[in-house]
N, C-alpha and C. Protein backbone atom coordinates (compact mmCIF):
# COMPACT_ATOMS: atom_id res chain seq x y z
N UNK A 1 -127.86 -193.98 103.10
CA UNK A 1 -127.04 -195.63 103.09
C UNK A 1 -125.73 -195.73 103.36
N UNK A 2 -125.06 -195.75 104.40
CA UNK A 2 -123.24 -196.01 104.18
C UNK A 2 -123.10 -197.01 103.80
N UNK A 3 -123.52 -198.09 103.15
CA UNK A 3 -122.66 -198.97 102.59
C UNK A 3 -123.94 -198.70 101.36
N UNK A 4 -122.99 -200.43 100.33
CA UNK A 4 -123.22 -199.78 98.48
C UNK A 4 -124.61 -200.50 99.11
N UNK A 5 -126.05 -200.36 98.48
CA UNK A 5 -126.81 -201.34 98.44
C UNK A 5 -126.56 -202.15 96.83
N UNK A 6 -127.15 -203.39 96.67
CA UNK A 6 -126.45 -203.96 95.17
C UNK A 6 -127.62 -204.81 94.77
N UNK A 7 -128.20 -205.09 93.83
CA UNK A 7 -129.37 -205.12 93.45
C UNK A 7 -129.21 -205.86 91.80
N UNK A 8 -129.62 -207.06 91.53
CA UNK A 8 -129.43 -207.92 90.82
C UNK A 8 -130.42 -208.88 90.09
N UNK A 9 -130.57 -208.96 88.79
CA UNK A 9 -131.82 -209.62 88.07
C UNK A 9 -131.19 -210.50 86.64
N UNK A 10 -131.31 -211.66 86.79
CA UNK A 10 -131.08 -211.90 85.78
C UNK A 10 -132.32 -212.83 84.91
N UNK A 11 -132.42 -212.84 83.97
CA UNK A 11 -133.76 -213.27 82.77
C UNK A 11 -132.75 -214.31 81.81
N UNK A 12 -133.82 -214.81 80.56
CA UNK A 12 -132.79 -215.11 79.56
C UNK A 12 -132.83 -213.98 78.73
N UNK A 13 -132.57 -213.33 77.98
CA UNK A 13 -132.19 -212.51 77.18
C UNK A 13 -132.56 -210.94 77.99
N UNK A 14 -131.96 -211.22 79.62
CA UNK A 14 -131.84 -209.68 80.04
C UNK A 14 -130.95 -210.04 81.17
N UNK A 15 -130.24 -209.03 81.71
CA UNK A 15 -129.84 -208.87 82.99
C UNK A 15 -129.24 -207.21 83.53
N UNK A 16 -129.10 -207.50 84.67
CA UNK A 16 -129.08 -206.09 85.35
C UNK A 16 -128.03 -206.08 86.74
N UNK A 17 -127.25 -204.76 86.69
CA UNK A 17 -127.08 -204.89 88.32
C UNK A 17 -127.19 -203.61 88.28
N UNK A 18 -127.09 -203.12 89.91
CA UNK A 18 -128.17 -201.65 90.29
C UNK A 18 -127.07 -201.53 91.73
N UNK A 19 -125.86 -200.15 91.74
CA UNK A 19 -125.69 -199.89 93.39
C UNK A 19 -126.28 -198.98 93.57
N UNK A 20 -126.67 -198.68 94.45
CA UNK A 20 -127.00 -197.20 95.19
C UNK A 20 -126.12 -197.28 96.88
N UNK A 21 -125.75 -195.58 96.45
CA UNK A 21 -125.13 -195.67 98.06
C UNK A 21 -125.09 -193.78 98.20
N UNK A 22 -124.99 -193.34 99.64
CA UNK A 22 -125.02 -191.83 100.33
C UNK A 22 -124.06 -191.53 100.01
N UNK A 23 -123.02 -190.42 99.12
CA UNK A 23 -122.09 -190.28 99.72
C UNK A 23 -122.42 -189.29 100.48
N UNK A 24 -121.51 -188.69 101.10
CA UNK A 24 -121.54 -187.31 101.52
C UNK A 24 -120.99 -185.69 100.79
N UNK A 25 -121.34 -185.46 99.67
CA UNK A 25 -120.64 -184.14 98.83
C UNK A 25 -121.74 -184.11 98.02
N UNK A 26 -121.60 -183.28 97.41
CA UNK A 26 -122.60 -182.46 96.53
C UNK A 26 -122.67 -182.86 95.41
N UNK A 27 -124.17 -183.45 95.01
CA UNK A 27 -124.24 -183.93 93.75
C UNK A 27 -122.50 -183.29 92.41
N UNK A 28 -122.68 -182.32 92.52
CA UNK A 28 -121.50 -181.15 91.40
C UNK A 28 -119.84 -181.74 92.04
N UNK A 29 -119.46 -182.09 93.27
CA UNK A 29 -118.53 -183.20 93.37
C UNK A 29 -118.21 -184.31 92.87
N UNK A 30 -119.27 -184.91 92.09
CA UNK A 30 -119.16 -185.79 92.66
C UNK A 30 -119.57 -186.41 90.68
N UNK A 31 -119.96 -185.22 90.09
CA UNK A 31 -120.18 -185.07 88.41
C UNK A 31 -119.05 -185.17 88.05
N UNK A 32 -118.22 -184.48 89.00
CA UNK A 32 -116.74 -183.68 88.35
C UNK A 32 -115.91 -185.10 88.49
N UNK A 33 -116.21 -185.52 89.39
CA UNK A 33 -114.72 -187.35 89.19
C UNK A 33 -115.54 -187.98 87.94
N UNK A 34 -116.82 -188.10 87.78
CA UNK A 34 -117.40 -189.54 86.91
C UNK A 34 -117.42 -188.95 85.29
N UNK A 35 -117.02 -187.32 85.16
CA UNK A 35 -116.75 -187.19 84.45
C UNK A 35 -115.68 -186.30 83.57
N UNK A 36 -114.63 -186.84 84.65
CA UNK A 36 -112.92 -186.57 84.42
C UNK A 36 -112.18 -188.04 83.25
N UNK A 37 -112.71 -188.24 82.33
CA UNK A 37 -111.70 -189.42 81.47
C UNK A 37 -110.45 -189.70 82.19
N UNK A 38 -109.32 -189.07 82.29
CA UNK A 38 -108.21 -189.13 82.48
C UNK A 38 -108.11 -189.21 83.60
N UNK A 39 -109.05 -188.95 84.84
CA UNK A 39 -108.83 -188.28 86.27
C UNK A 39 -109.53 -190.32 86.96
N UNK A 40 -110.49 -190.96 86.18
CA UNK A 40 -110.45 -191.99 86.61
C UNK A 40 -109.60 -193.21 86.88
N UNK A 41 -108.53 -193.66 86.79
CA UNK A 41 -107.66 -194.71 87.47
C UNK A 41 -107.08 -193.87 88.88
N UNK A 42 -107.18 -192.65 88.93
CA UNK A 42 -106.00 -192.22 90.49
C UNK A 42 -107.58 -192.47 90.97
N UNK A 43 -108.70 -192.36 91.41
CA UNK A 43 -109.80 -193.06 92.38
C UNK A 43 -110.85 -194.36 91.83
N UNK A 44 -111.06 -194.36 90.61
CA UNK A 44 -111.45 -195.68 90.36
C UNK A 44 -110.46 -197.56 90.11
N UNK A 45 -111.04 -198.12 91.09
CA UNK A 45 -109.94 -199.34 91.16
C UNK A 45 -110.54 -199.88 90.01
N UNK A 46 -111.49 -200.25 89.81
CA UNK A 46 -112.16 -200.39 88.52
C UNK A 46 -111.75 -200.43 87.46
N UNK A 47 -111.72 -199.73 87.03
CA UNK A 47 -110.80 -198.85 85.85
C UNK A 47 -109.53 -198.62 85.42
N UNK A 48 -108.87 -199.20 84.66
CA UNK A 48 -107.13 -198.71 84.26
C UNK A 48 -107.50 -197.45 83.44
N UNK A 49 -108.01 -197.14 82.90
CA UNK A 49 -107.88 -195.58 81.91
C UNK A 49 -108.88 -196.08 81.06
N UNK A 50 -109.04 -194.43 80.98
CA UNK A 50 -110.99 -194.31 80.04
C UNK A 50 -109.98 -193.27 79.04
N UNK A 51 -110.32 -193.63 77.80
CA UNK A 51 -110.35 -192.81 76.30
C UNK A 51 -110.95 -192.28 76.10
N UNK A 52 -111.29 -190.59 75.33
CA UNK A 52 -111.77 -189.74 75.08
C UNK A 52 -112.48 -189.00 75.82
N UNK A 53 -113.40 -187.80 75.67
CA UNK A 53 -113.93 -187.32 76.80
C UNK A 53 -115.69 -186.97 76.94
N UNK A 54 -116.08 -187.57 78.44
CA UNK A 54 -117.14 -188.46 78.42
C UNK A 54 -118.03 -187.07 78.52
N UNK A 55 -118.28 -186.83 77.48
CA UNK A 55 -119.73 -186.04 77.08
C UNK A 55 -120.83 -185.98 76.10
N UNK A 56 -121.25 -185.48 76.47
CA UNK A 56 -122.75 -186.15 74.98
C UNK A 56 -122.20 -186.18 73.59
N UNK A 57 -122.72 -187.12 73.53
CA UNK A 57 -122.44 -187.92 72.04
C UNK A 57 -120.91 -188.64 71.86
N UNK A 58 -120.50 -188.63 72.27
CA UNK A 58 -118.76 -189.24 71.95
C UNK A 58 -118.61 -190.42 72.58
N UNK A 59 -117.50 -191.09 72.20
CA UNK A 59 -117.77 -192.69 71.91
C UNK A 59 -116.25 -192.34 72.99
N UNK A 60 -116.08 -193.62 74.52
CA UNK A 60 -115.49 -193.62 75.23
C UNK A 60 -114.21 -195.06 74.87
N UNK A 61 -113.51 -195.24 75.22
CA UNK A 61 -112.29 -196.46 75.19
C UNK A 61 -111.94 -197.14 76.60
N UNK A 62 -112.66 -197.67 77.41
CA UNK A 62 -112.65 -198.05 79.13
C UNK A 62 -111.76 -199.61 79.01
N UNK A 63 -111.13 -198.98 80.17
CA UNK A 63 -110.22 -200.36 79.73
C UNK A 63 -110.70 -200.60 81.43
N UNK A 64 -109.81 -202.24 81.35
CA UNK A 64 -110.39 -202.67 83.07
C UNK A 64 -109.57 -203.41 83.30
N UNK A 65 -109.13 -203.59 84.28
CA UNK A 65 -108.06 -204.49 85.16
C UNK A 65 -108.77 -205.86 84.93
N UNK A 66 -107.85 -206.43 84.50
CA UNK A 66 -107.48 -208.40 84.57
C UNK A 66 -108.38 -208.88 82.84
N UNK A 67 -107.73 -208.13 82.35
CA UNK A 67 -108.82 -208.36 80.70
C UNK A 67 -108.16 -207.35 79.40
N UNK A 68 -107.76 -207.98 78.39
CA UNK A 68 -107.44 -207.12 77.04
C UNK A 68 -108.38 -206.63 76.33
N UNK A 69 -109.98 -207.28 77.23
CA UNK A 69 -111.86 -206.46 75.58
C UNK A 69 -110.60 -204.79 76.74
N UNK A 70 -110.94 -204.59 75.04
CA UNK A 70 -111.25 -202.59 75.67
C UNK A 70 -113.26 -202.19 75.04
N UNK A 71 -113.08 -202.15 76.41
CA UNK A 71 -115.40 -201.41 75.56
C UNK A 71 -115.64 -200.05 75.38
N UNK A 72 -116.08 -200.12 74.28
CA UNK A 72 -116.44 -198.28 73.74
C UNK A 72 -117.98 -197.85 73.92
N UNK A 73 -117.61 -197.70 74.81
CA UNK A 73 -119.48 -196.69 74.91
C UNK A 73 -119.52 -195.65 74.44
N UNK A 74 -121.02 -195.31 74.00
CA UNK A 74 -121.03 -193.97 73.41
C UNK A 74 -122.18 -193.19 74.84
N UNK A 75 -121.54 -192.13 75.21
CA UNK A 75 -122.25 -191.00 75.93
C UNK A 75 -123.53 -190.53 75.64
N UNK A 76 -124.23 -190.03 76.69
CA UNK A 76 -125.78 -189.79 75.91
C UNK A 76 -126.44 -189.35 76.88
N UNK A 77 -127.86 -188.24 77.33
CA UNK A 77 -128.56 -188.38 78.29
C UNK A 77 -127.94 -187.09 79.11
N UNK A 78 -127.10 -186.55 78.95
CA UNK A 78 -125.89 -186.06 80.22
C UNK A 78 -126.55 -185.24 80.02
N UNK A 79 -127.19 -185.33 81.76
CA UNK A 79 -127.84 -183.84 82.05
C UNK A 79 -126.64 -183.07 83.39
N UNK A 80 -125.93 -182.41 83.42
CA UNK A 80 -124.66 -182.20 84.40
C UNK A 80 -125.44 -182.02 85.60
N UNK A 81 -124.43 -182.79 86.46
CA UNK A 81 -124.51 -182.99 88.11
C UNK A 81 -126.37 -184.24 88.65
N UNK A 82 -126.65 -184.31 87.32
CA UNK A 82 -127.54 -185.15 87.48
C UNK A 82 -127.94 -186.57 86.86
N UNK A 83 -127.81 -186.75 85.83
CA UNK A 83 -127.37 -188.15 84.87
C UNK A 83 -126.24 -188.07 84.23
N UNK A 84 -126.90 -188.76 83.55
CA UNK A 84 -125.77 -189.47 81.88
C UNK A 84 -126.34 -191.28 81.73
N UNK A 85 -125.48 -191.61 80.59
CA UNK A 85 -125.99 -193.48 80.21
C UNK A 85 -124.44 -193.30 79.13
N UNK A 86 -124.47 -194.40 79.77
CA UNK A 86 -122.96 -195.21 79.05
C UNK A 86 -123.52 -196.22 77.51
N UNK A 87 -123.45 -196.51 76.39
CA UNK A 87 -124.38 -197.48 75.47
C UNK A 87 -123.11 -198.33 75.22
N UNK A 88 -123.33 -199.30 74.71
CA UNK A 88 -122.30 -200.10 74.11
C UNK A 88 -123.15 -201.58 73.02
N UNK A 89 -122.81 -202.14 72.70
CA UNK A 89 -122.91 -203.49 71.79
C UNK A 89 -123.68 -202.76 70.72
N UNK A 90 -124.64 -203.69 70.78
CA UNK A 90 -125.86 -203.66 68.85
C UNK A 90 -126.60 -204.31 68.99
N UNK A 91 -128.44 -203.39 68.84
CA UNK A 91 -129.24 -204.10 69.41
C UNK A 91 -129.82 -204.71 67.85
N UNK A 92 -130.58 -205.97 68.18
CA UNK A 92 -130.74 -207.04 69.04
C UNK A 92 -129.74 -207.90 69.98
N UNK A 93 -128.82 -207.93 69.04
CA UNK A 93 -127.46 -208.50 69.41
C UNK A 93 -126.79 -208.80 70.79
N UNK A 94 -126.54 -208.05 70.85
CA UNK A 94 -126.05 -207.81 72.41
C UNK A 94 -126.06 -206.27 72.76
N UNK A 95 -126.54 -205.92 73.59
CA UNK A 95 -126.56 -204.43 74.14
C UNK A 95 -126.08 -204.16 75.98
N UNK A 96 -125.69 -203.28 76.47
CA UNK A 96 -125.43 -202.78 77.56
C UNK A 96 -125.65 -201.06 77.78
N UNK A 97 -126.33 -201.39 78.93
CA UNK A 97 -126.90 -199.19 79.18
C UNK A 97 -126.06 -199.54 80.64
N UNK A 98 -125.12 -198.54 80.68
CA UNK A 98 -124.51 -197.84 82.33
C UNK A 98 -125.40 -196.16 82.51
N UNK A 99 -126.54 -196.45 83.52
CA UNK A 99 -126.65 -195.57 84.08
C UNK A 99 -126.27 -194.70 84.82
N UNK A 100 -125.97 -193.71 85.05
CA UNK A 100 -125.21 -192.51 85.88
C UNK A 100 -126.21 -191.80 86.40
N UNK A 101 -127.15 -191.86 88.34
CA UNK A 101 -127.97 -190.51 88.36
C UNK A 101 -127.02 -189.77 89.64
N UNK A 102 -127.75 -189.28 89.95
CA UNK A 102 -127.11 -187.96 91.58
C UNK A 102 -128.32 -187.62 91.87
N UNK A 103 -127.99 -188.02 93.11
CA UNK A 103 -130.21 -187.39 93.47
C UNK A 103 -129.73 -186.82 95.09
N UNK A 104 -129.40 -185.21 94.80
CA UNK A 104 -129.14 -184.60 95.67
C UNK A 104 -129.77 -184.79 97.04
N UNK A 105 -129.43 -185.04 98.31
CA UNK A 105 -130.69 -184.94 99.33
C UNK A 105 -130.60 -183.73 100.03
N UNK A 106 -131.58 -183.24 100.79
CA UNK A 106 -131.62 -182.35 102.19
C UNK A 106 -130.34 -181.89 102.73
N UNK A 107 -129.90 -182.74 103.37
CA UNK A 107 -128.59 -182.80 104.24
C UNK A 107 -126.85 -181.91 103.84
N UNK A 108 -127.00 -182.49 102.38
CA UNK A 108 -125.52 -181.78 101.89
C UNK A 108 -125.21 -183.05 100.65
N UNK A 109 -125.93 -183.93 101.17
CA UNK A 109 -125.48 -185.79 101.03
C UNK A 109 -125.92 -185.98 99.45
N UNK A 110 -125.51 -186.86 98.39
CA UNK A 110 -125.94 -186.70 97.16
C UNK A 110 -126.37 -188.79 97.36
N UNK A 111 -127.64 -189.32 96.46
CA UNK A 111 -128.31 -190.65 96.08
C UNK A 111 -126.89 -190.49 95.54
N UNK A 112 -125.83 -191.87 95.03
CA UNK A 112 -125.56 -192.04 93.83
C UNK A 112 -126.23 -193.68 92.93
N UNK A 113 -126.88 -193.53 91.81
CA UNK A 113 -126.83 -194.76 92.11
C UNK A 113 -126.23 -195.46 90.40
N UNK A 114 -126.31 -195.89 90.47
CA UNK A 114 -125.98 -196.83 89.02
C UNK A 114 -126.38 -198.38 88.52
N UNK A 115 -126.15 -198.22 87.41
CA UNK A 115 -127.53 -199.39 87.22
C UNK A 115 -126.50 -200.15 85.87
N UNK A 116 -126.32 -201.47 85.53
CA UNK A 116 -125.95 -201.04 83.93
C UNK A 116 -127.60 -202.96 83.84
N UNK A 117 -127.87 -202.31 82.09
CA UNK A 117 -128.13 -203.33 81.71
C UNK A 117 -128.07 -204.10 80.50
N UNK A 118 -128.47 -204.93 80.44
CA UNK A 118 -127.30 -206.32 79.19
C UNK A 118 -128.58 -206.65 78.76
N UNK A 119 -128.89 -207.07 77.79
CA UNK A 119 -129.95 -207.35 76.86
C UNK A 119 -129.46 -208.12 75.34
N UNK A 120 -130.34 -208.47 74.50
CA UNK A 120 -129.94 -209.51 73.38
C UNK A 120 -129.65 -210.70 73.38
N UNK A 121 -130.04 -211.31 71.67
CA UNK A 121 -129.90 -212.28 72.07
C UNK A 121 -128.80 -213.50 72.13
N UNK A 122 -127.67 -212.99 72.32
CA UNK A 122 -126.54 -213.34 72.53
C UNK A 122 -126.15 -213.54 73.67
N UNK A 123 -127.38 -212.87 74.49
CA UNK A 123 -127.18 -212.97 76.11
C UNK A 123 -126.87 -214.40 76.66
N UNK A 124 -127.64 -214.85 76.20
CA UNK A 124 -127.79 -216.54 76.87
C UNK A 124 -126.45 -217.42 76.99
N UNK A 125 -125.30 -216.85 75.35
CA UNK A 125 -124.62 -217.93 75.37
C UNK A 125 -122.96 -216.88 76.13
N UNK A 126 -123.40 -215.84 76.24
CA UNK A 126 -122.20 -215.16 76.87
C UNK A 126 -122.10 -214.80 78.55
N UNK A 127 -123.75 -214.93 79.01
CA UNK A 127 -123.68 -214.62 80.51
C UNK A 127 -123.07 -216.00 81.38
N UNK A 128 -122.55 -216.36 80.92
CA UNK A 128 -121.76 -217.60 81.63
C UNK A 128 -120.25 -216.76 82.01
N UNK A 129 -119.85 -216.24 80.80
CA UNK A 129 -118.69 -215.39 80.49
C UNK A 129 -118.48 -214.14 81.36
N UNK A 130 -119.48 -213.58 81.54
CA UNK A 130 -119.42 -212.19 81.95
C UNK A 130 -119.52 -212.21 84.18
N UNK A 131 -118.23 -211.54 84.42
CA UNK A 131 -118.18 -211.56 85.91
C UNK A 131 -119.29 -210.83 86.71
N UNK A 132 -119.44 -211.22 87.73
CA UNK A 132 -120.49 -210.94 89.25
C UNK A 132 -120.33 -209.57 89.06
N UNK A 133 -121.11 -208.75 88.69
CA UNK A 133 -121.26 -207.08 88.64
C UNK A 133 -121.13 -206.34 89.53
N UNK A 134 -122.08 -207.19 91.13
CA UNK A 134 -121.92 -207.08 92.33
C UNK A 134 -120.82 -206.26 93.21
N UNK A 135 -119.63 -207.39 93.24
CA UNK A 135 -118.52 -207.08 94.16
C UNK A 135 -117.54 -205.28 93.21
N UNK A 136 -118.25 -205.51 91.56
CA UNK A 136 -117.15 -204.53 90.76
C UNK A 136 -118.01 -202.89 91.53
N UNK A 137 -119.51 -203.52 91.13
CA UNK A 137 -120.34 -201.69 91.26
C UNK A 137 -119.82 -201.50 93.30
N UNK A 138 -119.73 -202.81 93.67
CA UNK A 138 -120.00 -202.13 94.81
C UNK A 138 -118.21 -202.07 95.19
N UNK A 139 -117.26 -201.99 94.40
CA UNK A 139 -116.18 -201.21 94.40
C UNK A 139 -116.28 -199.76 93.56
N UNK A 140 -116.44 -199.94 92.92
CA UNK A 140 -116.82 -199.06 92.28
C UNK A 140 -117.88 -197.70 92.98
N UNK A 141 -118.48 -198.20 93.41
CA UNK A 141 -119.73 -196.86 95.02
C UNK A 141 -118.91 -196.68 95.58
N UNK A 142 -118.07 -197.93 96.68
CA UNK A 142 -116.91 -196.99 97.88
C UNK A 142 -116.16 -196.41 96.95
N UNK A 143 -115.16 -196.49 95.68
CA UNK A 143 -114.54 -195.92 95.65
C UNK A 143 -114.94 -194.46 95.42
N UNK A 144 -116.05 -194.31 94.88
CA UNK A 144 -116.41 -192.87 94.39
C UNK A 144 -116.65 -192.01 95.57
N UNK A 145 -116.88 -192.86 96.85
CA UNK A 145 -117.20 -191.95 97.61
C UNK A 145 -115.84 -191.72 98.52
N UNK A 146 -115.53 -192.18 98.52
CA UNK A 146 -114.02 -192.07 99.43
C UNK A 146 -113.34 -190.60 98.71
N UNK A 147 -113.33 -190.71 96.74
CA UNK A 147 -112.79 -190.15 96.46
C UNK A 147 -113.12 -188.17 96.63
N UNK A 148 -114.70 -188.82 96.82
CA UNK A 148 -115.44 -186.60 97.04
C UNK A 148 -115.78 -186.66 98.14
N UNK A 149 -115.28 -187.17 98.96
CA UNK A 149 -115.26 -187.56 99.99
C UNK A 149 -114.06 -186.19 101.09
């Protein structure tokens, strides 16, 4: 797919957004971009700064444009050049889980999939204040494709 494909769902206590895009680059090239914390703002217009190291067990401090809030996900499930997960919040109150997947294709390109799932008892109260992640995820994937190509 040459354009990002966005899928979203909303329930009372859950919400998710997923983007998928084929990037004409090897998984290792894309992985390098996704795991270089200090380099994130150079290619990703949805992030102004990432503090910490993007590796198993590390807690990050992610800064995004338009808010003073800092997100502090923990990195887990790291399989180099394939997948990782960033998890923030506290179950059962409110939890966000962002999963990154790279699926090499036979022609040397890679399918990039990023999905974030929010859940918890507080979600019905905060859902209205949360942004529409569709455009943000689309921009994230498009920025990644541009940087990897």
